[in-house]
N, C-alpha and C. Protein backbone atom coordinates (compact mmCIF):
# COMPACT_ATOMS: atom_id res chain seq x y z
N MET A 1 0.80 -1.28 -0.12
CA MET A 1 0.12 0.19 -0.31
C MET A 1 0.94 1.23 0.36
N THR A 2 0.68 2.14 -0.93
CA THR A 2 1.03 3.44 -0.69
C THR A 2 0.63 4.60 0.11
N VAL A 3 1.12 4.94 0.70
CA VAL A 3 0.37 6.43 1.60
C VAL A 3 0.82 7.81 1.45
N ALA A 4 0.07 8.61 0.91
CA ALA A 4 1.04 9.85 0.76
C ALA A 4 0.35 11.34 1.92
N ALA A 5 0.75 12.03 2.45
CA ALA A 5 0.39 12.55 3.17
C ALA A 5 1.08 13.90 3.62
N LEU A 6 1.12 15.01 4.14
CA LEU A 6 1.81 16.18 3.89
C LEU A 6 3.34 16.03 4.52
N ARG A 7 2.94 14.98 6.22
CA ARG A 7 3.91 14.45 6.86
C ARG A 7 3.59 13.25 7.36
N PHE A 8 4.50 12.24 7.95
CA PHE A 8 4.61 11.38 8.66
C PHE A 8 4.79 11.39 10.11
N THR A 9 4.87 10.88 11.06
CA THR A 9 5.19 10.81 12.36
C THR A 9 6.27 9.31 12.19
N GLU A 10 7.26 9.93 12.65
CA GLU A 10 8.53 8.26 12.19
C GLU A 10 7.35 7.15 12.54
N ALA A 11 6.62 6.82 13.79
CA ALA A 11 6.35 5.67 14.37
C ALA A 11 5.33 5.21 13.08
N ALA A 12 4.46 5.96 12.49
CA ALA A 12 3.87 5.95 11.13
C ALA A 12 4.24 5.50 9.98
N ARG A 13 5.25 5.89 9.81
CA ARG A 13 6.52 5.90 9.06
C ARG A 13 6.70 4.66 8.76
N ALA A 14 7.65 4.27 10.33
CA ALA A 14 7.99 2.66 10.52
C ALA A 14 7.06 1.51 10.13
N ARG A 15 5.60 2.37 10.97
CA ARG A 15 4.66 0.45 10.81
C ARG A 15 4.55 0.41 9.07
N ILE A 16 4.44 1.46 8.49
CA ILE A 16 3.81 1.64 6.74
C ILE A 16 5.28 0.56 6.34
N ILE A 17 6.42 1.31 6.43
CA ILE A 17 7.28 0.72 5.76
C ILE A 17 7.31 -0.97 6.06
N LYS A 18 7.22 -1.14 7.37
CA LYS A 18 7.61 -3.08 8.22
C LYS A 18 6.22 -3.66 7.29
N ALA A 19 4.97 -2.66 7.72
CA ALA A 19 4.42 -3.73 6.37
C ALA A 19 4.17 -3.67 4.68
N GLY A 20 5.44 -3.22 4.52
CA GLY A 20 5.37 -3.65 3.08
C GLY A 20 4.83 -2.46 2.04
N GLY A 21 4.81 -0.85 2.89
CA GLY A 21 3.77 -0.11 2.02
C GLY A 21 5.30 0.87 1.60
N LYS A 22 4.50 2.02 1.06
CA LYS A 22 5.17 3.55 0.53
C LYS A 22 4.88 4.24 1.41
N CYS A 23 6.04 5.36 1.83
CA CYS A 23 5.33 7.16 2.10
C CYS A 23 5.94 7.59 1.01
N LEU A 24 4.62 8.47 0.56
CA LEU A 24 5.11 9.31 -0.57
C LEU A 24 4.54 10.63 -0.12
N THR A 25 4.87 11.90 -0.38
CA THR A 25 4.84 13.41 -0.32
C THR A 25 3.48 13.32 -1.28
N LEU A 26 2.69 14.44 -1.00
CA LEU A 26 1.79 14.82 -2.09
C LEU A 26 2.08 15.10 -3.53
N ASP A 27 2.98 15.82 -3.55
CA ASP A 27 3.83 16.09 -4.96
C ASP A 27 4.29 15.12 -5.52
N GLN A 28 4.78 14.07 -4.85
CA GLN A 28 5.71 12.87 -5.23
C GLN A 28 4.06 12.33 -5.90
N VAL A 29 2.92 11.99 -5.33
CA VAL A 29 2.00 11.39 -6.41
C VAL A 29 1.47 12.00 -6.79
N VAL A 30 1.53 13.36 -7.00
CA VAL A 30 0.88 13.95 -8.29
C VAL A 30 2.00 13.80 -9.78
N MET A 31 2.96 13.07 -9.30
CA MET A 31 4.56 13.07 -10.12
C MET A 31 4.02 11.78 -10.81
N THR A 32 3.93 10.96 -9.84
CA THR A 32 3.14 9.51 -10.29
C THR A 32 1.98 9.06 -10.82
N ALA A 33 0.62 10.09 -10.36
CA ALA A 33 -0.41 9.90 -11.26
C ALA A 33 -0.86 11.65 -11.38
N PRO A 34 -0.64 12.13 -12.29
CA PRO A 34 -0.98 13.05 -12.88
C PRO A 34 -3.04 13.47 -12.78
N THR A 35 -3.28 12.68 -13.31
CA THR A 35 -5.09 12.39 -13.15
C THR A 35 -5.48 11.67 -12.04
N GLY A 36 -4.67 11.38 -11.38
CA GLY A 36 -5.73 10.75 -10.27
C GLY A 36 -6.18 9.60 -10.20
N THR A 37 -5.99 8.76 -11.57
CA THR A 37 -6.57 7.64 -11.38
C THR A 37 -6.09 6.43 -10.33
N GLY A 38 -7.00 5.56 -9.99
CA GLY A 38 -6.31 4.85 -9.37
C GLY A 38 -6.13 5.66 -7.90
N THR A 39 -6.24 6.83 -7.25
CA THR A 39 -5.88 7.44 -6.21
C THR A 39 -7.51 7.28 -5.47
N LEU A 40 -7.11 6.87 -3.91
CA LEU A 40 -8.29 7.59 -3.08
C LEU A 40 -7.67 8.73 -1.87
N LEU A 41 -8.50 9.61 -2.02
CA LEU A 41 -8.17 10.79 -0.59
C LEU A 41 -9.36 10.36 -0.11
N LEU A 42 -8.53 10.46 1.27
CA LEU A 42 -9.14 10.41 3.06
C LEU A 42 -8.96 11.91 3.26
N ARG A 43 -9.82 11.90 4.16
CA ARG A 43 -9.41 12.96 4.99
C ARG A 43 -9.91 13.01 6.73
N ALA A 44 -9.52 13.79 7.27
CA ALA A 44 -9.18 13.44 8.94
C ALA A 44 -11.07 14.14 9.38
N ASN A 45 -11.66 13.46 10.31
CA ASN A 45 -13.09 13.96 10.99
C ASN A 45 -13.32 15.33 11.38
N GLN A 46 -13.95 16.06 11.26
CA GLN A 46 -13.95 17.24 10.82
C GLN A 46 -15.15 17.80 12.07
N ASP A 47 -15.46 17.09 13.20
CA ASP A 47 -16.39 17.35 14.11
C ASP A 47 -15.53 17.48 15.35
N ARG A 48 -15.12 18.57 15.66
CA ARG A 48 -14.42 19.53 16.68
C ARG A 48 -15.38 19.93 17.32
N GLU A 49 -14.77 20.16 18.75
CA GLU A 49 -15.72 21.10 19.80
C GLU A 49 -16.01 22.45 19.38
N ALA A 50 -15.16 23.28 18.73
CA ALA A 50 -15.30 24.39 18.24
C ALA A 50 -17.21 24.42 17.65
N LYS A 51 -16.96 23.68 15.99
CA LYS A 51 -18.18 23.91 15.73
C LYS A 51 -19.40 23.56 16.54
N LYS A 52 -19.67 23.48 17.85
CA LYS A 52 -20.84 23.27 18.82
C LYS A 52 -21.58 24.99 18.58
N HIS A 53 -20.73 25.90 18.59
CA HIS A 53 -20.72 26.83 18.82
C HIS A 53 -21.40 27.97 17.33
N PHE A 54 -21.13 27.30 16.14
CA PHE A 54 -21.57 27.92 15.11
C PHE A 54 -22.87 27.63 14.71
N GLY A 55 -23.64 28.70 14.19
CA GLY A 55 -25.04 28.64 13.74
C GLY A 55 -26.01 29.83 14.55
N PRO A 56 -27.30 29.50 14.61
CA PRO A 56 -27.92 30.81 15.12
C PRO A 56 -27.41 30.83 16.30
N ALA A 57 -28.12 32.08 16.84
CA ALA A 57 -27.55 32.37 17.93
C ALA A 57 -28.42 32.11 19.28
N PRO A 58 -27.31 31.89 20.44
CA PRO A 58 -27.40 30.65 21.52
C PRO A 58 -29.36 31.62 22.34
N GLY A 59 -29.93 31.11 22.06
CA GLY A 59 -30.98 32.11 22.78
C GLY A 59 -32.33 32.13 21.92
N VAL A 60 -32.06 32.42 21.00
CA VAL A 60 -32.99 32.39 19.37
C VAL A 60 -33.59 30.70 19.15
N LYS A 61 -35.01 31.32 19.08
CA LYS A 61 -35.93 29.71 18.95
C LYS A 61 -35.47 29.32 18.17
N GLY A 62 -35.79 28.05 18.52
CA GLY A 62 -35.28 26.51 17.48
C GLY A 62 -33.53 26.34 17.31
N SER A 63 -32.87 27.60 18.13
CA SER A 63 -31.33 27.04 18.24
C SER A 63 -30.51 26.29 18.89
N HIS A 64 -29.88 25.22 18.17
CA HIS A 64 -29.14 24.65 19.44
C HIS A 64 -27.51 24.68 19.54
N THR A 65 -27.36 26.02 19.04
CA THR A 65 -26.17 26.26 19.60
C THR A 65 -25.59 26.93 20.81
N LYS A 66 -24.25 26.29 20.97
CA LYS A 66 -23.70 26.05 22.24
C LYS A 66 -23.37 27.34 22.97
N PRO A 67 -23.91 27.97 23.93
CA PRO A 67 -22.85 29.08 23.78
C PRO A 67 -21.93 29.15 24.57
N TYR A 68 -20.76 30.43 24.13
CA TYR A 68 -19.69 30.48 25.63
C TYR A 68 -20.09 30.78 26.64
N VAL A 69 -19.39 30.67 27.28
CA VAL A 69 -19.64 30.87 28.81
C VAL A 69 -18.26 30.80 29.95
N ARG A 70 -18.07 31.49 30.97
CA ARG A 70 -17.23 31.80 31.69
C ARG A 70 -17.17 30.34 32.56
N SER A 71 -17.87 30.01 32.92
CA SER A 71 -17.93 28.86 33.78
C SER A 71 -19.49 27.94 34.02
N LYS A 72 -19.30 27.11 34.30
CA LYS A 72 -20.89 26.17 34.25
C LYS A 72 -21.75 26.29 35.87
N GLY A 73 -21.31 27.37 36.84
CA GLY A 73 -21.55 27.67 38.11
C GLY A 73 -23.26 27.43 38.11
N LYS A 74 -24.06 27.94 39.00
CA LYS A 74 -25.00 27.90 39.16
C LYS A 74 -25.87 29.60 38.49
N ASN A 75 -25.38 30.74 38.81
CA ASN A 75 -25.05 31.76 37.81
C ASN A 75 -25.09 31.98 36.83
N PHE A 76 -24.43 31.21 36.06
CA PHE A 76 -23.87 31.13 34.49
C PHE A 76 -24.98 30.36 33.66
N GLU A 77 -25.52 31.82 32.54
CA GLU A 77 -26.13 31.13 31.66
C GLU A 77 -26.79 30.09 31.59
N LYS A 78 -28.07 30.26 32.48
CA LYS A 78 -28.92 29.13 32.75
C LYS A 78 -30.34 29.49 31.68
N GLY A 79 -30.57 30.11 31.08
CA GLY A 79 -31.28 30.70 30.43
C GLY A 79 -32.64 30.69 30.80
N VAL A 80 -32.78 31.15 32.42
CA VAL A 80 -33.61 31.83 33.50
C VAL A 80 -34.18 32.76 33.22
N SER A 81 -35.63 33.32 32.88
CA SER A 81 -35.55 34.84 33.35
C SER A 81 -36.38 34.96 34.47
N VAL A 82 -35.74 36.35 35.06
CA VAL A 82 -36.01 36.50 36.27
C VAL A 82 -37.37 37.75 36.21
């Protein structure tokens, strides 16, 4: 198996080579397969905590956006009208 990435850790490179694979940079892949035939592009998971804060403002009807708060105590952002 041939794996291409922007960078490899030494442990990852060692595991790939030990399994009989090759490690290439992305420009090396472009030189070997200019049209991209026979290649499969993968990307990392994009679900990160910061994305929970994106969207309609917190407090707006129907919004499930997570508010930015200083703390989680009883007096911080409870949404209870006084």
